[in-house]
Amino acid sequence: MAQTPRRPRTLQDARSEAEAAFRQTTTKPVEAPVAKPAVPGVRELVSLRIDQDVLEHFQEGGPGWQDRINDALRIAAGK
């Protein structure tokens, strides 16, 4: 069987092959972010939008209103 003649390699072909080989060896695999273990009793600072009347309801009792909101959310979450 007769083989078809290969076309001569050009500088662009060699450059493309070299770039592909370089990219393959230098590209780091994407790693999944490591989940931080939850530490019991540690609170996380968040920003939350609450209707004004709901906020006033919890603030009526004075200091500790953030704890009262946390307790209400815990009950709502079934925990």
PDB file of N, CA and C in Angstrom:
ATOM      1  N   MET A   1       0.828  -1.179   0.000  1.00  0.00           N
ATOM      2  CA  MET A   1       0.000   0.000   0.000  1.00  0.00           C
ATOM      3  C   MET A   1       0.871   1.239   0.000  1.00  0.00           C
ATOM      4  N   ALA A   2       0.438   2.150  -0.741  1.00  0.00           N
ATOM      5  CA  ALA A   2       1.203   3.384  -0.843  1.00  0.00           C
ATOM      6  C   ALA A   2       0.732   4.356   0.232  1.00  0.00           C
ATOM      7  N   GLN A   3       1.683   4.897   0.936  1.00  0.00           N
ATOM      8  CA  GLN A   3       1.342   5.889   1.953  1.00  0.00           C
ATOM      9  C   GLN A   3       1.307   7.262   1.314  1.00  0.00           C
ATOM     10  N   THR A   4       0.369   8.064   1.800  1.00  0.00           N
ATOM     11  CA  THR A   4       0.311   9.420   1.278  1.00  0.00           C
ATOM     12  C   THR A   4       1.454  10.213   1.898  1.00  0.00           C
ATOM     13  N   PRO A   5       2.083  11.030   1.126  1.00  0.00           N
ATOM     14  CA  PRO A   5       3.210  11.783   1.665  1.00  0.00           C
ATOM     15  C   PRO A   5       2.742  12.765   2.739  1.00  0.00           C
ATOM     16  N   ARG A   6       3.520  12.868   3.791  1.00  0.00           N
ATOM     17  CA  ARG A   6       3.200  13.808   4.860  1.00  0.00           C
ATOM     18  C   ARG A   6       3.562  15.204   4.407  1.00  0.00           C
ATOM     19  N   ARG A   7       2.773  16.129   4.794  1.00  0.00           N
ATOM     20  CA  ARG A   7       3.122  17.503   4.448  1.00  0.00           C
ATOM     21  C   ARG A   7       4.252  17.957   5.343  1.00  0.00           C
ATOM     22  N   PRO A   8       5.088  18.770   4.914  1.00  0.00           N
ATOM     23  CA  PRO A   8       6.225  19.209   5.734  1.00  0.00           C
ATOM     24  C   PRO A   8       5.743  20.031   6.919  1.00  0.00           C
ATOM     25  N   ARG A   9       6.408  19.840   8.048  1.00  0.00           N
ATOM     26  CA  ARG A   9       6.052  20.588   9.250  1.00  0.00           C
ATOM     27  C   ARG A   9       6.498  22.036   9.098  1.00  0.00           C
ATOM     28  N   THR A  10       5.664  22.906   9.564  1.00  0.00           N
ATOM     29  CA  THR A  10       6.005  24.326   9.512  1.00  0.00           C
ATOM     30  C   THR A  10       6.334  24.794  10.918  1.00  0.00           C
ATOM     31  N   LEU A  11       6.854  25.975  11.011  1.00  0.00           N
ATOM     32  CA  LEU A  11       7.189  26.551  12.301  1.00  0.00           C
ATOM     33  C   LEU A  11       5.932  26.692  13.159  1.00  0.00           C
ATOM     34  N   GLN A  12       4.812  27.034  12.537  1.00  0.00           N
ATOM     35  CA  GLN A  12       3.554  27.196  13.273  1.00  0.00           C
ATOM     36  C   GLN A  12       3.102  25.866  13.867  1.00  0.00           C
ATOM     37  N   ASP A  13       3.254  24.768  13.125  1.00  0.00           N
ATOM     38  CA  ASP A  13       2.885  23.440  13.637  1.00  0.00           C
ATOM     39  C   ASP A  13       3.717  23.099  14.865  1.00  0.00           C
ATOM     40  N   ALA A  14       5.006  23.318  14.776  1.00  0.00           N
ATOM     41  CA  ALA A  14       5.898  22.998  15.887  1.00  0.00           C
ATOM     42  C   ALA A  14       5.561  23.865  17.100  1.00  0.00           C
ATOM     43  N   ARG A  15       5.277  25.134  16.870  1.00  0.00           N
ATOM     44  CA  ARG A  15       4.932  26.027  17.971  1.00  0.00           C
ATOM     45  C   ARG A  15       3.630  25.589  18.633  1.00  0.00           C
ATOM     46  N   SER A  16       2.634  25.230  17.839  1.00  0.00           N
ATOM     47  CA  SER A  16       1.357  24.786  18.385  1.00  0.00           C
ATOM     48  C   SER A  16       1.533  23.529  19.229  1.00  0.00           C
ATOM     49  N   GLU A  17       2.321  22.595  18.737  1.00  0.00           N
ATOM     50  CA  GLU A  17       2.575  21.363  19.485  1.00  0.00           C
ATOM     51  C   GLU A  17       3.320  21.652  20.785  1.00  0.00           C
ATOM     52  N   ALA A  18       4.305  22.550  20.733  1.00  0.00           N
ATOM     53  CA  ALA A  18       5.071  22.900  21.930  1.00  0.00           C
ATOM     54  C   ALA A  18       4.178  23.601  22.955  1.00  0.00           C
ATOM     55  N   GLU A  19       3.338  24.503  22.495  1.00  0.00           N
ATOM     56  CA  GLU A  19       2.434  25.198  23.410  1.00  0.00           C
ATOM     57  C   GLU A  19       1.455  24.232  24.053  1.00  0.00           C
ATOM     58  N   ALA A  20       0.937  23.277  23.280  1.00  0.00           N
ATOM     59  CA  ALA A  20       0.009  22.288  23.825  1.00  0.00           C
ATOM     60  C   ALA A  20       0.702  21.415  24.871  1.00  0.00           C
ATOM     61  N   ALA A  21       1.927  21.001  24.592  1.00  0.00           N
ATOM     62  CA  ALA A  21       2.678  20.182  25.554  1.00  0.00           C
ATOM     63  C   ALA A  21       2.969  20.981  26.817  1.00  0.00           C
ATOM     64  N   PHE A  22       3.347  22.252  26.678  1.00  0.00           N
ATOM     65  CA  PHE A  22       3.637  23.101  27.826  1.00  0.00           C
ATOM     66  C   PHE A  22       2.385  23.315  28.667  1.00  0.00           C
ATOM     67  N   ARG A  23       1.273  23.591  28.008  1.00  0.00           N
ATOM     68  CA  ARG A  23       0.009  23.813  28.701  1.00  0.00           C
ATOM     69  C   ARG A  23      -0.393  22.570  29.491  1.00  0.00           C
ATOM     70  N   GLN A  24      -0.162  21.413  28.914  1.00  0.00           N
ATOM     71  CA  GLN A  24      -0.531  20.153  29.549  1.00  0.00           C
ATOM     72  C   GLN A  24       0.279  19.916  30.824  1.00  0.00           C
ATOM     73  N   THR A  25       1.555  20.270  30.821  1.00  0.00           N
ATOM     74  CA  THR A  25       2.396  20.013  31.986  1.00  0.00           C
ATOM     75  C   THR A  25       2.323  21.107  33.033  1.00  0.00           C
ATOM     76  N   THR A  26       1.916  22.311  32.672  1.00  0.00           N
ATOM     77  CA  THR A  26       1.897  23.403  33.639  1.00  0.00           C
ATOM     78  C   THR A  26       0.523  23.701  34.203  1.00  0.00           C
ATOM     79  N   THR A  27      -0.520  23.175  33.617  1.00  0.00           N
ATOM     80  CA  THR A  27      -1.858  23.442  34.109  1.00  0.00           C
ATOM     81  C   THR A  27      -2.131  22.585  35.340  1.00  0.00           C
ATOM     82  N   LYS A  28      -2.501  23.269  36.438  1.00  0.00           N
ATOM     83  CA  LYS A  28      -2.813  22.549  37.668  1.00  0.00           C
ATOM     84  C   LYS A  28      -4.257  22.055  37.594  1.00  0.00           C
ATOM     85  N   PRO A  29      -4.507  20.850  38.083  1.00  0.00           N
ATOM     86  CA  PRO A  29      -5.885  20.367  38.098  1.00  0.00           C
ATOM     87  C   PRO A  29      -6.718  21.192  39.088  1.00  0.00           C
ATOM     88  N   VAL A  30      -7.961  21.406  38.745  1.00  0.00           N
ATOM     89  CA  VAL A  30      -8.849  22.176  39.603  1.00  0.00           C
ATOM     90  C   VAL A  30      -9.192  21.336  40.823  1.00  0.00           C
ATOM     91  N   GLU A  31      -8.915  21.889  41.989  1.00  0.00           N
ATOM     92  CA  GLU A  31      -9.204  21.174  43.225  1.00  0.00           C
ATOM     93  C   GLU A  31     -10.472  21.742  43.842  1.00  0.00           C
ATOM     94  N   ALA A  32     -11.270  20.865  44.406  1.00  0.00           N
ATOM     95  CA  ALA A  32     -12.480  21.297  45.074  1.00  0.00           C
ATOM     96  C   ALA A  32     -12.095  22.019  46.360  1.00  0.00           C
ATOM     97  N   PRO A  33     -12.819  23.079  46.706  1.00  0.00           N
ATOM     98  CA  PRO A  33     -12.490  23.776  47.943  1.00  0.00           C
ATOM     99  C   PRO A  33     -12.707  22.860  49.152  1.00  0.00           C
ATOM    100  N   VAL A  34     -11.816  22.997  50.098  1.00  0.00           N
ATOM    101  CA  VAL A  34     -11.892  22.163  51.294  1.00  0.00           C
ATOM    102  C   VAL A  34     -12.959  22.740  52.213  1.00  0.00           C
ATOM    103  N   ALA A  35     -13.921  21.910  52.576  1.00  0.00           N
ATOM    104  CA  ALA A  35     -14.986  22.348  53.462  1.00  0.00           C
ATOM    105  C   ALA A  35     -14.449  22.432  54.884  1.00  0.00           C
ATOM    106  N   LYS A  36     -14.694  23.558  55.522  1.00  0.00           N
ATOM    107  CA  LYS A  36     -14.249  23.732  56.891  1.00  0.00           C
ATOM    108  C   LYS A  36     -15.192  22.971  57.815  1.00  0.00           C
ATOM    109  N   PRO A  37     -14.649  22.220  58.756  1.00  0.00           N
ATOM    110  CA  PRO A  37     -15.528  21.510  59.686  1.00  0.00           C
ATOM    111  C   PRO A  37     -16.230  22.508  60.601  1.00  0.00           C
ATOM    112  N   ALA A  38     -17.494  22.271  60.839  1.00  0.00           N
ATOM    113  CA  ALA A  38     -18.265  23.159  61.696  1.00  0.00           C
ATOM    114  C   ALA A  38     -17.877  22.925  63.152  1.00  0.00           C
ATOM    115  N   VAL A  39     -17.545  24.004  63.821  1.00  0.00           N
ATOM    116  CA  VAL A  39     -17.188  23.924  65.230  1.00  0.00           C
ATOM    117  C   VAL A  39     -18.431  24.292  66.027  1.00  0.00           C
ATOM    118  N   PRO A  40     -18.855  23.435  66.938  1.00  0.00           N
ATOM    119  CA  PRO A  40     -20.067  23.725  67.709  1.00  0.00           C
ATOM    120  C   PRO A  40     -19.909  25.010  68.526  1.00  0.00           C
ATOM    121  N   GLY A  41     -20.951  25.810  68.554  1.00  0.00           N
ATOM    122  CA  GLY A  41     -20.953  27.017  69.361  1.00  0.00           C
ATOM    123  C   GLY A  41     -20.302  28.222  68.708  1.00  0.00           C
ATOM    124  N   VAL A  42     -19.742  28.077  67.524  1.00  0.00           N
ATOM    125  CA  VAL A  42     -19.110  29.204  66.846  1.00  0.00           C
ATOM    126  C   VAL A  42     -20.144  29.843  65.926  1.00  0.00           C
ATOM    127  N   ARG A  43     -20.245  31.135  66.022  1.00  0.00           N
ATOM    128  CA  ARG A  43     -21.215  31.852  65.194  1.00  0.00           C
ATOM    129  C   ARG A  43     -20.506  32.496  64.020  1.00  0.00           C
ATOM    130  N   GLU A  44     -21.252  32.651  62.949  1.00  0.00           N
ATOM    131  CA  GLU A  44     -20.699  33.248  61.735  1.00  0.00           C
ATOM    132  C   GLU A  44     -21.396  34.574  61.471  1.00  0.00           C
ATOM    133  N   LEU A  45     -20.611  35.570  61.130  1.00  0.00           N
ATOM    134  CA  LEU A  45     -21.147  36.884  60.828  1.00  0.00           C
ATOM    135  C   LEU A  45     -21.771  36.860  59.432  1.00  0.00           C
ATOM    136  N   VAL A  46     -23.052  37.234  59.352  1.00  0.00           N
ATOM    137  CA  VAL A  46     -23.751  37.289  58.065  1.00  0.00           C
ATOM    138  C   VAL A  46     -24.514  38.606  57.972  1.00  0.00           C
ATOM    139  N   SER A  47     -24.857  38.959  56.768  1.00  0.00           N
ATOM    140  CA  SER A  47     -25.702  40.122  56.532  1.00  0.00           C
ATOM    141  C   SER A  47     -27.062  39.601  56.101  1.00  0.00           C
ATOM    142  N   LEU A  48     -28.110  40.099  56.745  1.00  0.00           N
ATOM    143  CA  LEU A  48     -29.446  39.567  56.500  1.00  0.00           C
ATOM    144  C   LEU A  48     -30.420  40.734  56.411  1.00  0.00           C
ATOM    145  N   ARG A  49     -31.269  40.722  55.421  1.00  0.00           N
ATOM    146  CA  ARG A  49     -32.285  41.774  55.288  1.00  0.00           C
ATOM    147  C   ARG A  49     -33.578  41.267  55.921  1.00  0.00           C
ATOM    148  N   ILE A  50     -34.061  42.023  56.903  1.00  0.00           N
ATOM    149  CA  ILE A  50     -35.276  41.664  57.636  1.00  0.00           C
ATOM    150  C   ILE A  50     -36.229  42.856  57.561  1.00  0.00           C
ATOM    151  N   ASP A  51     -37.510  42.566  57.432  1.00  0.00           N
ATOM    152  CA  ASP A  51     -38.501  43.644  57.419  1.00  0.00           C
ATOM    153  C   ASP A  51     -38.395  44.439  58.717  1.00  0.00           C
ATOM    154  N   GLN A  52     -38.652  45.740  58.630  1.00  0.00           N
ATOM    155  CA  GLN A  52     -38.493  46.638  59.764  1.00  0.00           C
ATOM    156  C   GLN A  52     -39.368  46.220  60.947  1.00  0.00           C
ATOM    157  N   ASP A  53     -40.625  45.835  60.675  1.00  0.00           N
ATOM    158  CA  ASP A  53     -41.515  45.461  61.774  1.00  0.00           C
ATOM    159  C   ASP A  53     -41.042  44.201  62.496  1.00  0.00           C
ATOM    160  N   VAL A  54     -40.444  43.267  61.761  1.00  0.00           N
ATOM    161  CA  VAL A  54     -39.909  42.050  62.387  1.00  0.00           C
ATOM    162  C   VAL A  54     -38.711  42.404  63.259  1.00  0.00           C
ATOM    163  N   LEU A  55     -37.849  43.253  62.770  1.00  0.00           N
ATOM    164  CA  LEU A  55     -36.684  43.673  63.536  1.00  0.00           C
ATOM    165  C   LEU A  55     -37.112  44.403  64.811  1.00  0.00           C
ATOM    166  N   GLU A  56     -38.084  45.300  64.695  1.00  0.00           N
ATOM    167  CA  GLU A  56     -38.575  46.030  65.873  1.00  0.00           C
ATOM    168  C   GLU A  56     -39.164  45.074  66.900  1.00  0.00           C
ATOM    169  N   HIS A  57     -39.856  44.039  66.440  1.00  0.00           N
ATOM    170  CA  HIS A  57     -40.438  43.046  67.353  1.00  0.00           C
ATOM    171  C   HIS A  57     -39.353  42.407  68.224  1.00  0.00           C
ATOM    172  N   PHE A  58     -38.247  42.015  67.616  1.00  0.00           N
ATOM    173  CA  PHE A  58     -37.179  41.361  68.372  1.00  0.00           C
ATOM    174  C   PHE A  58     -36.387  42.362  69.218  1.00  0.00           C
ATOM    175  N   GLN A  59     -36.299  43.606  68.777  1.00  0.00           N
ATOM    176  CA  GLN A  59     -35.540  44.610  69.517  1.00  0.00           C
ATOM    177  C   GLN A  59     -36.317  45.186  70.695  1.00  0.00           C
ATOM    178  N   GLU A  60     -37.650  44.967  70.739  1.00  0.00           N
ATOM    179  CA  GLU A  60     -38.466  45.475  71.846  1.00  0.00           C
ATOM    180  C   GLU A  60     -38.004  44.926  73.193  1.00  0.00           C
ATOM    181  N   GLY A  61     -37.485  43.729  73.197  1.00  0.00           N
ATOM    182  CA  GLY A  61     -37.057  43.105  74.450  1.00  0.00           C
ATOM    183  C   GLY A  61     -35.709  43.589  74.937  1.00  0.00           C
ATOM    184  N   GLY A  62     -35.103  44.529  74.248  1.00  0.00           N
ATOM    185  CA  GLY A  62     -33.822  45.078  74.676  1.00  0.00           C
ATOM    186  C   GLY A  62     -32.652  44.245  74.191  1.00  0.00           C
ATOM    187  N   PRO A  63     -31.512  44.342  74.894  1.00  0.00           N
ATOM    188  CA  PRO A  63     -30.317  43.604  74.482  1.00  0.00           C
ATOM    189  C   PRO A  63     -30.588  42.103  74.377  1.00  0.00           C
ATOM    190  N   GLY A  64     -29.888  41.469  73.465  1.00  0.00           N
ATOM    191  CA  GLY A  64     -30.079  40.032  73.237  1.00  0.00           C
ATOM    192  C   GLY A  64     -31.011  39.742  72.076  1.00  0.00           C
ATOM    193  N   TRP A  65     -31.384  40.791  71.336  1.00  0.00           N
ATOM    194  CA  TRP A  65     -32.332  40.588  70.239  1.00  0.00           C
ATOM    195  C   TRP A  65     -31.759  39.693  69.151  1.00  0.00           C
ATOM    196  N   GLN A  66     -30.437  39.737  68.965  1.00  0.00           N
ATOM    197  CA  GLN A  66     -29.833  38.862  67.955  1.00  0.00           C
ATOM    198  C   GLN A  66     -29.935  37.403  68.375  1.00  0.00           C
ATOM    199  N   ASP A  67     -29.776  37.145  69.675  1.00  0.00           N
ATOM    200  CA  ASP A  67     -29.935  35.772  70.171  1.00  0.00           C
ATOM    201  C   ASP A  67     -31.374  35.300  70.002  1.00  0.00           C
ATOM    202  N   ARG A  68     -32.330  36.210  70.227  1.00  0.00           N
ATOM    203  CA  ARG A  68     -33.744  35.837  70.063  1.00  0.00           C
ATOM    204  C   ARG A  68     -34.055  35.515  68.602  1.00  0.00           C
ATOM    205  N   ILE A  69     -33.484  36.285  67.675  1.00  0.00           N
ATOM    206  CA  ILE A  69     -33.684  35.982  66.254  1.00  0.00           C
ATOM    207  C   ILE A  69     -33.062  34.627  65.928  1.00  0.00           C
ATOM    208  N   ASN A  70     -31.869  34.362  66.466  1.00  0.00           N
ATOM    209  CA  ASN A  70     -31.198  33.084  66.234  1.00  0.00           C
ATOM    210  C   ASN A  70     -32.043  31.921  66.746  1.00  0.00           C
ATOM    211  N   ASP A  71     -32.611  32.095  67.943  1.00  0.00           N
ATOM    212  CA  ASP A  71     -33.462  31.041  68.521  1.00  0.00           C
ATOM    213  C   ASP A  71     -34.694  30.807  67.671  1.00  0.00           C
ATOM    214  N   ALA A  72     -35.326  31.900  67.184  1.00  0.00           N
ATOM    215  CA  ALA A  72     -36.513  31.762  66.342  1.00  0.00           C
ATOM    216  C   ALA A  72     -36.170  31.054  65.026  1.00  0.00           C
ATOM    217  N   LEU A  73     -35.018  31.383  64.471  1.00  0.00           N
ATOM    218  CA  LEU A  73     -34.614  30.727  63.223  1.00  0.00           C
ATOM    219  C   LEU A  73     -34.284  29.252  63.459  1.00  0.00           C
ATOM    220  N   ARG A  74     -33.698  28.949  64.596  1.00  0.00           N
ATOM    221  CA  ARG A  74     -33.392  27.555  64.937  1.00  0.00           C
ATOM    222  C   ARG A  74     -34.682  26.733  65.030  1.00  0.00           C
ATOM    223  N   ILE A  75     -35.710  27.311  65.688  1.00  0.00           N
ATOM    224  CA  ILE A  75     -37.011  26.626  65.806  1.00  0.00           C
ATOM    225  C   ILE A  75     -37.632  26.434  64.430  1.00  0.00           C
ATOM    226  N   ALA A  76     -37.560  27.499  63.596  1.00  0.00           N
ATOM    227  CA  ALA A  76     -38.124  27.412  62.236  1.00  0.00           C
ATOM    228  C   ALA A  76     -37.411  26.368  61.397  1.00  0.00           C
ATOM    229  N   ALA A  77     -36.110  26.171  61.653  1.00  0.00           N
ATOM    230  CA  ALA A  77     -35.344  25.174  60.906  1.00  0.00           C
ATOM    231  C   ALA A  77     -35.553  23.766  61.443  1.00  0.00           C
ATOM    232  N   GLY A  78     -36.256  23.670  62.570  1.00  0.00           N
ATOM    233  CA  GLY A  78     -36.529  22.345  63.138  1.00  0.00           C
ATOM    234  C   GLY A  78     -35.353  21.758  63.896  1.00  0.00           C
ATOM    235  N   LYS A  79     -34.527  22.605  64.472  1.00  0.00           N
ATOM    236  CA  LYS A  79     -33.351  22.124  65.205  1.00  0.00           C
ATOM    237  C   LYS A  79     -33.466  22.454  66.670  1.00  0.00           C
TER     238      LYS A  79
END
